[in-house]
Amino acid sequence: MIEWLENHMGSCAFKAYAGMDCPGCGMQRAFIELLKGNLFASIQYYPGLIPMLITLVFLGLHLMFNFKHGALVLKIMFIFTVIIIMTTYIIKILTNYTFSFS
């Protein structure tokens, strides 16, 4: 399955037309690295993926079990995830920085 995903990655229309990365560029590669078990490589490609996945899992659990303060927790998680995505995107655009921990 991982090999199939690697061979069928979609291209970014925003990058094709605008010539620069979009806020979601790197998410596919990060997801594939996460499936391979490469946590740090996943974070390097797209730091917002893991918080996004945690938020989506919590959303599913909240929809099934209707947690007492689930809506508030989801709002906080969503805001946190958006802050991570936009901060890393702005840093990448302004500095041409690739998130690497080596």
Foldseek 3Di string as FASTA:
>chain_A
DLVVLVVDPDDDPCCVVVVDDDLCFQQSVLVSCVVVVNNQVSCQSHVLNVLVVVLVVLVVVCVVPVDPCSVVVSVVSVVVSVCRSVVVVVCCVVPVDGRDDD
